[in-house]
């Protein structure tokens, strides 16, 4: 187990201590990347099946999307619970419990007889995946500071970005041979493999001396102290609203591309994956930009660019210009801008509160997935079309850039 001195040192140095990372930073990044991939795999793998789920269970598309809302709500609520637990019990035990819950919920999804049971089980799946997400981000907060944390987060995004590419294709492959229920059998296997990897390869990065009491009063005090930091709150809002565009696309893409543009499940998976490639490429360009610019400045310019692209997207959608390309090109551009936002906003926020990295990561994640849970049904109610997606995506990034400017979040001094 790492000492307090070792953890403190690694926050400010490029190499991760072998005592903490066993044996290398690269291995740590791979393990953490696998952990954060559980959430996107859980969200994205069943997307090609959404129209089929709606048909087989006899519900509308907006009702079928409630299964996605349940997952995102579970991810949000689960992080608020797991964050304080990981600050008190260490990172490993809450992680193992969360993955086990995910596997149990996936089993319920496999045999779900109706939309109500499926939605409930998807919520529990989300809560289980939340443990993997919050622990991975908290470990980054344990070990790294500011630009170094943003660099590591960008590397995690490289691994994380593979999930949206692989997941829909894997789901579509399952649907070629079996019913949508069996998508969840594959998730059980994947979560089991991840549980084994975490048990064998993830060290404990929170020393006993740095843990916080597991008491309601102490937990409430920690959350209140974080919420009093207005710049931290602004960064949480920026990260959440920036993610609104991503979740709007996840919620509506299958209905727009398959329903309105006639793509089959396999082609949809490829097109959906192309958006993930744009996102991943941007996260790696972000590493290069961090050598010259602060994370705060990159955040501002990325959100501003996304807002301009989003405005153009609204015009193309309202005028029905460009066909499927008038939809895909601006969507991919916004997703690329999110590749700059998603690593930098959490990294700068976490650098302000190393003493409560788990709880801070929980607030960040809960805000992101809470917004996602709210966005999914909004897209459905607005019609699951190009106009709905363009308006929701643009509104999210537009408000995010205003929030960042309002608190001076673009200043080079994040503290």
Protein backbone atom coordinates (compact mmCIF):
# COMPACT_ATOMS: atom_id res chain seq x y z
CA UNK A 1 0.00 0.00 0.00
CA UNK A 2 1.28 3.46 -0.85
CA UNK A 3 2.30 5.85 1.86
CA UNK A 4 0.93 9.36 2.08
CA UNK A 5 4.32 10.71 1.10
CA UNK A 6 4.42 8.56 -2.04
CA UNK A 7 0.96 9.61 -3.20
CA UNK A 8 1.71 13.28 -2.64
CA UNK A 9 4.90 13.03 -4.64
CA UNK A 10 3.30 11.37 -7.60
CA UNK A 11 0.74 14.13 -7.94
CA UNK A 12 3.44 16.49 -9.06
CA UNK A 13 5.79 14.24 -11.01
CA UNK A 14 5.36 12.61 -14.38
CA UNK A 15 6.25 9.02 -13.44
CA UNK A 16 3.89 7.08 -11.25
CA UNK A 17 5.65 5.48 -8.31
CA UNK A 18 6.20 1.76 -8.75
CA UNK A 19 5.01 1.31 -5.16
CA UNK A 20 1.63 2.67 -6.19
CA UNK A 21 1.30 1.70 -9.84
CA UNK A 22 2.76 -1.85 -9.88
CA UNK A 23 4.61 -1.90 -12.13
CA UNK A 24 4.19 1.07 -14.48
CA UNK A 25 2.11 4.07 -15.40
CA UNK A 26 1.18 2.38 -18.67
CA UNK A 27 -0.27 -0.60 -16.83
CA UNK A 28 -2.19 1.73 -14.53
CA UNK A 29 -3.66 3.60 -17.50
CA UNK A 30 -4.72 0.35 -19.17
CA UNK A 31 -6.43 -0.90 -16.00
CA UNK A 32 -8.17 2.42 -15.34
CA UNK A 33 -9.18 2.64 -18.99
CA UNK A 34 -10.82 -0.78 -18.72
CA UNK A 35 -12.70 0.39 -15.64
CA UNK A 36 -14.10 3.55 -17.22
CA UNK A 37 -15.06 1.54 -20.32
CA UNK A 38 -17.64 -0.47 -18.35
CA UNK A 39 -20.11 2.42 -18.33
CA UNK A 40 -20.00 3.11 -22.09
CA UNK A 41 -20.18 -0.61 -22.86
CA UNK A 42 -23.28 -0.84 -20.65
CA UNK A 43 -24.84 2.20 -22.32
CA UNK A 44 -23.88 1.65 -25.96
CA UNK A 45 -23.92 -2.09 -26.55
CA UNK A 46 -27.69 -2.40 -26.66
CA UNK A 47 -28.31 0.76 -28.75
CA UNK A 48 -28.85 -1.16 -32.03
CA UNK A 49 -31.55 -3.14 -30.22
CA UNK A 50 -33.59 -0.14 -29.05
CA UNK A 51 -36.05 -0.16 -32.01
CA UNK A 52 -36.44 -3.94 -31.64
CA UNK A 53 -37.00 -3.66 -27.88
CA UNK A 54 -39.74 -1.09 -28.51
CA UNK A 55 -41.44 -3.39 -31.04
CA UNK A 56 -41.16 -6.64 -29.06
CA UNK A 57 -42.29 -5.13 -25.77
CA UNK A 58 -45.09 -3.16 -27.44
CA UNK A 59 -43.99 0.31 -26.33
CA UNK A 60 -43.19 3.59 -28.07
CA UNK A 61 -39.63 4.68 -28.85
CA UNK A 62 -39.72 7.29 -26.07
CA UNK A 63 -40.77 4.64 -23.55
CA UNK A 64 -38.00 2.31 -24.76
CA UNK A 65 -35.57 5.16 -24.17
CA UNK A 66 -36.51 5.05 -20.49
CA UNK A 67 -34.25 2.00 -20.25
CA UNK A 68 -31.39 4.33 -21.21
CA UNK A 69 -32.64 6.93 -18.75
CA UNK A 70 -32.65 4.28 -16.02
CA UNK A 71 -29.05 3.37 -16.77
CA UNK A 72 -27.88 6.99 -16.68
CA UNK A 73 -29.84 7.69 -13.49
CA UNK A 74 -28.21 4.65 -11.90
CA UNK A 75 -24.79 5.88 -12.96
CA UNK A 76 -25.51 9.28 -11.40
CA UNK A 77 -26.94 7.99 -8.11
CA UNK A 78 -24.34 5.24 -7.82
CA UNK A 79 -21.49 7.70 -8.03
CA UNK A 80 -22.89 9.82 -5.22
CA UNK A 81 -22.91 6.69 -3.05
CA UNK A 82 -19.63 5.14 -4.16
CA UNK A 83 -17.63 8.40 -3.98
CA UNK A 84 -17.82 8.81 -0.18
CA UNK A 85 -17.46 5.03 0.28
CA UNK A 86 -14.21 5.06 -1.68
CA UNK A 87 -12.90 7.99 0.37
CA UNK A 88 -13.62 5.99 3.53
CA UNK A 89 -13.02 2.33 2.67
CA UNK A 90 -10.36 2.77 0.01
CA UNK A 91 -10.76 2.38 -3.74
CA UNK A 92 -10.78 -1.39 -4.17
CA UNK A 93 -13.66 -2.66 -2.00
CA UNK A 94 -16.40 -0.36 -3.39
CA UNK A 95 -15.13 -1.16 -6.88
CA UNK A 96 -15.46 -4.92 -6.42
CA UNK A 97 -18.93 -4.60 -4.92
CA UNK A 98 -20.11 -2.37 -7.76
CA UNK A 99 -18.95 -4.73 -10.50
CA UNK A 100 -20.65 -7.65 -8.73
CA UNK A 101 -23.90 -5.63 -8.64
CA UNK A 102 -23.53 -4.91 -12.35
CA UNK A 103 -23.25 -8.63 -13.11
CA UNK A 104 -26.34 -9.45 -11.04
CA UNK A 105 -28.37 -6.70 -12.74
CA UNK A 106 -27.24 -7.92 -16.17
CA UNK A 107 -28.62 -11.34 -15.28
CA UNK A 108 -32.00 -9.77 -14.48
CA UNK A 109 -31.91 -7.91 -17.83
CA UNK A 110 -31.25 -11.20 -19.60
CA UNK A 111 -34.58 -12.59 -18.38
CA UNK A 112 -36.58 -9.34 -18.25
CA UNK A 113 -40.19 -10.05 -19.31
CA UNK A 114 -41.32 -6.44 -19.74
CA UNK A 115 -40.16 -2.84 -20.00
CA UNK A 116 -40.65 -2.16 -16.27
CA UNK A 117 -38.31 -4.94 -15.15
CA UNK A 118 -35.80 -4.06 -17.85
CA UNK A 119 -35.77 -0.38 -16.84
CA UNK A 120 -35.28 -1.24 -13.16
CA UNK A 121 -32.48 -3.69 -13.91
CA UNK A 122 -30.80 -1.17 -16.20
CA UNK A 123 -30.82 1.31 -13.33
CA UNK A 124 -29.05 -1.23 -11.12
CA UNK A 125 -26.59 -1.90 -13.93
CA UNK A 126 -25.81 1.79 -13.99
CA UNK A 127 -25.23 1.87 -10.25
CA UNK A 128 -22.77 -1.00 -10.57
CA UNK A 129 -20.92 0.63 -13.47
CA UNK A 130 -20.75 3.85 -11.43
CA UNK A 131 -18.32 2.19 -9.04
CA UNK A 132 -15.88 1.54 -11.86
CA UNK A 133 -16.20 5.08 -13.20
CA UNK A 134 -15.80 6.95 -9.92
CA UNK A 135 -12.94 4.80 -8.64
CA UNK A 136 -10.98 5.21 -11.88
CA UNK A 137 -11.30 9.02 -11.78
CA UNK A 138 -10.55 9.10 -8.04
CA UNK A 139 -7.34 7.15 -8.61
CA UNK A 140 -6.27 9.78 -11.15
CA UNK A 141 -7.05 12.40 -8.49
CA UNK A 142 -4.97 10.45 -5.97
CA UNK A 143 -1.91 10.40 -8.16
CA UNK A 144 -1.83 13.42 -10.45
CA UNK A 145 -2.28 17.19 -10.56
CA UNK A 146 -3.83 19.62 -13.08
CA UNK A 147 -2.09 19.29 -16.49
CA UNK A 148 -0.62 15.90 -15.58
CA UNK A 149 -4.10 14.71 -14.61
CA UNK A 150 -5.51 16.09 -17.86
CA UNK A 151 -2.83 14.21 -19.80
CA UNK A 152 -3.62 10.95 -18.02
CA UNK A 153 -7.36 11.52 -18.52
CA UNK A 154 -6.71 12.02 -22.23
CA UNK A 155 -4.86 8.71 -22.34
CA UNK A 156 -7.80 7.09 -20.58
CA UNK A 157 -10.09 8.57 -23.20
CA UNK A 158 -8.06 6.74 -25.86
CA UNK A 159 -9.01 3.44 -24.23
CA UNK A 160 -12.48 4.66 -23.30
CA UNK A 161 -13.14 5.72 -26.87
CA UNK A 162 -12.79 2.16 -28.12
CA UNK A 163 -15.96 1.20 -26.20
CA UNK A 164 -18.43 3.24 -28.32
CA UNK A 165 -16.74 1.86 -31.45
CA UNK A 166 -16.82 -1.77 -30.38
CA UNK A 167 -20.02 -1.83 -28.30
CA UNK A 168 -22.70 -1.19 -30.97
CA UNK A 169 -20.92 -3.54 -33.40
CA UNK A 170 -20.77 -6.23 -30.73
CA UNK A 171 -24.44 -5.66 -29.94
CA UNK A 172 -25.35 -5.84 -33.62
CA UNK A 173 -23.40 -9.10 -33.97
CA UNK A 174 -25.37 -10.59 -31.08
CA UNK A 175 -28.64 -9.46 -32.68
CA UNK A 176 -27.78 -11.30 -35.90
CA UNK A 177 -27.87 -14.63 -34.05
CA UNK A 178 -30.05 -14.10 -30.98
CA UNK A 179 -32.62 -11.86 -29.32
CA UNK A 180 -31.73 -8.59 -27.67
CA UNK A 181 -31.76 -10.31 -24.25
CA UNK A 182 -28.43 -11.96 -25.03
CA UNK A 183 -26.66 -8.60 -25.25
CA UNK A 184 -26.77 -8.70 -21.47
CA UNK A 185 -25.22 -12.17 -21.34
CA UNK A 186 -22.18 -10.71 -23.09
CA UNK A 187 -22.12 -7.88 -20.53
CA UNK A 188 -22.02 -10.44 -17.71
CA UNK A 189 -18.92 -12.02 -19.24
CA UNK A 190 -17.23 -8.64 -19.82
CA UNK A 191 -17.93 -7.45 -16.28
CA UNK A 192 -16.61 -10.74 -14.88
CA UNK A 193 -13.38 -10.31 -16.82
CA UNK A 194 -13.08 -6.74 -15.58
CA UNK A 195 -13.61 -7.88 -11.98
CA UNK A 196 -10.70 -10.29 -12.36
CA UNK A 197 -8.44 -7.64 -13.92
CA UNK A 198 -9.22 -5.15 -11.15
CA UNK A 199 -8.63 -7.73 -8.42
CA UNK A 200 -5.23 -8.70 -9.80
CA UNK A 201 -3.87 -5.46 -11.26
CA UNK A 202 -5.31 -2.43 -9.43
CA UNK A 203 -3.41 -1.39 -6.28
CA UNK A 204 -4.93 0.57 -3.40
CA UNK A 205 -4.01 4.23 -3.98
CA UNK A 206 -5.66 5.77 -0.90
CA UNK A 207 -3.54 5.32 2.25
CA UNK A 208 -5.40 4.50 5.46
CA UNK A 209 -4.19 7.75 7.00
CA UNK A 210 -5.85 9.78 4.24
CA UNK A 211 -9.29 8.16 4.55
CA UNK A 212 -12.32 10.03 5.77
CA UNK A 213 -14.85 8.87 8.40
CA UNK A 214 -17.85 6.97 7.05
CA UNK A 215 -20.41 9.10 8.87
CA UNK A 216 -23.41 10.92 7.48
CA UNK A 217 -22.31 14.20 9.05
CA UNK A 218 -18.79 13.85 7.65
CA UNK A 219 -20.05 12.93 4.18
CA UNK A 220 -22.49 15.85 4.17
CA UNK A 221 -19.73 18.20 5.30
CA UNK A 222 -17.48 17.02 2.47
CA UNK A 223 -20.19 17.58 -0.14
CA UNK A 224 -20.95 21.03 1.30
CA UNK A 225 -17.29 22.04 1.23
CA UNK A 226 -17.10 21.07 -2.43
CA UNK A 227 -20.29 22.92 -3.29
CA UNK A 228 -18.98 26.09 -1.61
CA UNK A 229 -16.13 26.18 -4.13
CA UNK A 230 -17.84 28.08 -6.94
CA UNK A 231 -15.13 27.42 -9.49
CA UNK A 232 -15.31 23.69 -8.77
CA UNK A 233 -19.10 23.83 -9.14
CA UNK A 234 -18.72 25.71 -12.43
CA UNK A 235 -16.36 23.03 -13.74
CA UNK A 236 -18.86 20.35 -12.69
CA UNK A 237 -21.58 22.22 -14.59
CA UNK A 238 -19.32 22.63 -17.63
CA UNK A 239 -18.51 18.92 -17.68
CA UNK A 240 -22.17 17.96 -17.27
CA UNK A 241 -23.53 20.32 -19.92
CA UNK A 242 -20.71 19.42 -22.27
CA UNK A 243 -21.75 15.78 -21.90
CA UNK A 244 -25.36 16.70 -22.69
CA UNK A 245 -24.51 16.74 -26.39
CA UNK A 246 -22.92 13.30 -26.19
CA UNK A 247 -25.90 11.80 -24.36
CA UNK A 248 -28.37 13.43 -26.73
CA UNK A 249 -26.60 11.72 -29.61
CA UNK A 250 -26.54 8.38 -27.77
CA UNK A 251 -30.28 8.64 -27.04
CA UNK A 252 -31.43 9.60 -30.52
CA UNK A 253 -28.84 8.25 -32.96
CA UNK A 254 -30.46 4.84 -33.48
CA UNK A 255 -33.86 6.37 -34.27
CA UNK A 256 -32.46 9.03 -36.62
CA UNK A 257 -29.97 6.83 -38.47
CA UNK A 258 -31.98 3.60 -38.57
CA UNK A 259 -35.50 5.00 -38.56
CA UNK A 260 -35.21 8.14 -40.69
CA UNK A 261 -32.17 7.38 -42.87
CA UNK A 262 -32.71 3.64 -43.25
CA UNK A 263 -29.37 2.30 -42.02
CA UNK A 264 -29.34 -1.35 -40.98
CA UNK A 265 -27.98 -2.39 -37.57
CA UNK A 266 -24.45 -3.16 -38.83
CA UNK A 267 -24.12 0.08 -40.81
CA UNK A 268 -25.47 2.02 -37.84
CA UNK A 269 -22.79 0.46 -35.64
CA UNK A 270 -20.06 1.54 -38.08
CA UNK A 271 -21.38 5.09 -38.39
CA UNK A 272 -21.82 5.37 -34.63
CA UNK A 273 -18.25 4.15 -34.20
CA UNK A 274 -16.97 6.82 -36.57
CA UNK A 275 -18.23 9.46 -34.15
CA UNK A 276 -16.28 7.75 -31.39
CA UNK A 277 -13.14 7.87 -33.54
CA UNK A 278 -13.54 11.66 -33.87
CA UNK A 279 -13.85 11.89 -30.09
CA UNK A 280 -10.80 9.68 -29.46
CA UNK A 281 -8.63 11.53 -31.97
CA UNK A 282 -9.42 14.83 -30.24
CA UNK A 283 -8.45 13.44 -26.82
CA UNK A 284 -5.01 12.60 -28.16
CA UNK A 285 -4.57 15.98 -29.84
CA UNK A 286 -5.47 17.37 -26.42
CA UNK A 287 -2.28 15.80 -25.00
CA UNK A 288 -0.22 17.77 -27.52
CA UNK A 289 -2.10 21.01 -26.84
CA UNK A 290 -1.51 20.65 -23.09
CA UNK A 291 2.20 21.15 -23.74
CA UNK A 292 1.48 24.72 -24.84
CA UNK A 293 -1.87 25.72 -23.32
CA UNK A 294 -3.60 25.35 -19.96
CA UNK A 295 -6.52 22.94 -19.63
CA UNK A 296 -8.78 25.89 -18.82
CA UNK A 297 -7.97 27.68 -22.07
CA UNK A 298 -8.46 24.53 -24.15
CA UNK A 299 -11.85 24.07 -22.45
CA UNK A 300 -13.00 27.55 -23.40
CA UNK A 301 -12.00 27.32 -27.06
CA UNK A 302 -13.44 23.82 -27.47
CA UNK A 303 -16.81 24.83 -26.05
CA UNK A 304 -16.90 28.00 -28.13
CA UNK A 305 -16.15 26.01 -31.31
CA UNK A 306 -18.80 23.42 -30.41
CA UNK A 307 -21.37 26.19 -29.95
CA UNK A 308 -20.64 27.61 -33.42
CA UNK A 309 -20.85 24.16 -35.01
CA UNK A 310 -24.05 23.46 -33.09
CA UNK A 311 -25.68 26.63 -34.42
CA UNK A 312 -24.84 25.51 -37.95
CA UNK A 313 -26.27 22.08 -37.14
CA UNK A 314 -29.60 23.65 -36.15
CA UNK A 315 -29.76 25.53 -39.47
CA UNK A 316 -29.00 22.36 -41.46
CA UNK A 317 -31.62 20.40 -39.53
CA UNK A 318 -34.40 22.96 -39.81
CA UNK A 319 -33.80 23.45 -43.54
CA UNK A 320 -33.30 19.70 -44.16
CA UNK A 321 -30.03 20.44 -45.93
CA UNK A 322 -27.37 17.86 -46.70
CA UNK A 323 -29.27 14.67 -45.98
CA UNK A 324 -27.43 12.20 -43.79
CA UNK A 325 -24.17 14.14 -44.23
CA UNK A 326 -25.86 17.29 -42.98
CA UNK A 327 -26.52 15.31 -39.83
CA UNK A 328 -23.28 13.37 -39.40
CA UNK A 329 -20.68 16.06 -40.14
CA UNK A 330 -21.79 18.55 -37.45
CA UNK A 331 -22.43 15.71 -34.97
CA UNK A 332 -18.91 14.37 -35.47
CA UNK A 333 -17.49 17.88 -35.11
CA UNK A 334 -19.30 18.42 -31.79
CA UNK A 335 -18.14 15.00 -30.57
CA UNK A 336 -14.57 15.96 -31.46
CA UNK A 337 -14.88 19.12 -29.37
CA UNK A 338 -16.09 16.96 -26.47
CA UNK A 339 -12.78 15.14 -26.78
CA UNK A 340 -11.18 18.33 -25.47
CA UNK A 341 -13.83 19.06 -22.84
CA UNK A 342 -14.21 15.68 -21.16
CA UNK A 343 -10.56 15.14 -20.11
CA UNK A 344 -9.89 18.74 -19.06
CA UNK A 345 -12.94 19.72 -17.00
CA UNK A 346 -12.64 16.81 -14.49
CA UNK A 347 -8.86 17.13 -14.32
CA UNK A 348 -8.95 20.81 -13.34
CA UNK A 349 -11.83 20.24 -10.92
CA UNK A 350 -10.10 17.30 -9.18
CA UNK A 351 -6.84 19.24 -8.83
CA UNK A 352 -8.68 21.60 -6.48
CA UNK A 353 -9.69 18.86 -4.01
CA UNK A 354 -7.18 16.03 -3.67
CA UNK A 355 -8.25 15.60 -0.05
CA UNK A 356 -11.66 14.31 -1.19
CA UNK A 357 -10.94 12.96 -4.66
CA UNK A 358 -13.55 10.19 -4.43
CA UNK A 359 -16.38 12.50 -3.41
CA UNK A 360 -15.29 15.14 -5.95
CA UNK A 361 -15.20 12.49 -8.70
CA UNK A 362 -18.66 11.36 -7.58
CA UNK A 363 -20.09 14.86 -7.99
CA UNK A 364 -18.51 15.19 -11.42
CA UNK A 365 -19.84 11.84 -12.59
CA UNK A 366 -23.26 12.25 -10.99
CA UNK A 367 -23.74 15.62 -12.67
CA UNK A 368 -22.72 14.23 -16.06
CA UNK A 369 -24.93 11.16 -15.94
CA UNK A 370 -27.75 13.03 -14.19
CA UNK A 371 -27.87 15.45 -17.10
CA UNK A 372 -27.74 12.45 -19.44
CA UNK A 373 -30.70 10.86 -17.67
CA UNK A 374 -32.68 14.06 -18.13
CA UNK A 375 -31.61 14.57 -21.75
CA UNK A 376 -32.57 11.12 -23.08
CA UNK A 377 -36.35 11.49 -22.61
CA UNK A 378 -36.21 15.13 -23.75
CA UNK A 379 -34.83 14.03 -27.11
CA UNK A 380 -37.60 11.45 -27.35
CA UNK A 381 -40.34 13.91 -26.46
CA UNK A 382 -39.01 16.38 -29.01
CA UNK A 383 -39.40 13.79 -31.75
CA UNK A 384 -36.14 11.78 -31.94
CA UNK A 385 -35.19 13.67 -35.10
CA UNK A 386 -32.36 15.87 -36.35
CA UNK A 387 -33.94 19.05 -35.02
CA UNK A 388 -34.30 17.61 -31.52
CA UNK A 389 -30.67 16.47 -31.47
CA UNK A 390 -29.28 19.71 -32.89
CA UNK A 391 -31.18 21.91 -30.41
CA UNK A 392 -30.30 19.82 -27.36
CA UNK A 393 -26.62 19.41 -28.29
CA UNK A 394 -26.18 23.12 -29.04
CA UNK A 395 -28.01 24.27 -25.91
CA UNK A 396 -25.78 22.11 -23.73
CA UNK A 397 -22.45 23.38 -25.04
CA UNK A 398 -23.73 26.97 -25.29
CA UNK A 399 -24.73 27.15 -21.64
CA UNK A 400 -21.48 25.39 -20.68
CA UNK A 401 -19.30 28.04 -22.30
CA UNK A 402 -21.31 30.79 -20.59
CA UNK A 403 -20.87 29.09 -17.21
CA UNK A 404 -17.12 28.80 -17.75
CA UNK A 405 -16.80 32.48 -18.64
CA UNK A 406 -19.03 33.58 -15.75
CA UNK A 407 -16.60 32.31 -13.08
CA UNK A 408 -13.41 33.17 -14.92
CA UNK A 409 -12.85 29.48 -15.58
CA UNK A 410 -10.67 30.21 -18.59
CA UNK A 411 -7.97 31.77 -16.38
CA UNK A 412 -4.68 29.93 -16.52
CA UNK A 413 -4.65 29.68 -12.72
CA UNK A 414 -7.18 26.94 -12.03
CA UNK A 415 -6.86 27.53 -8.28
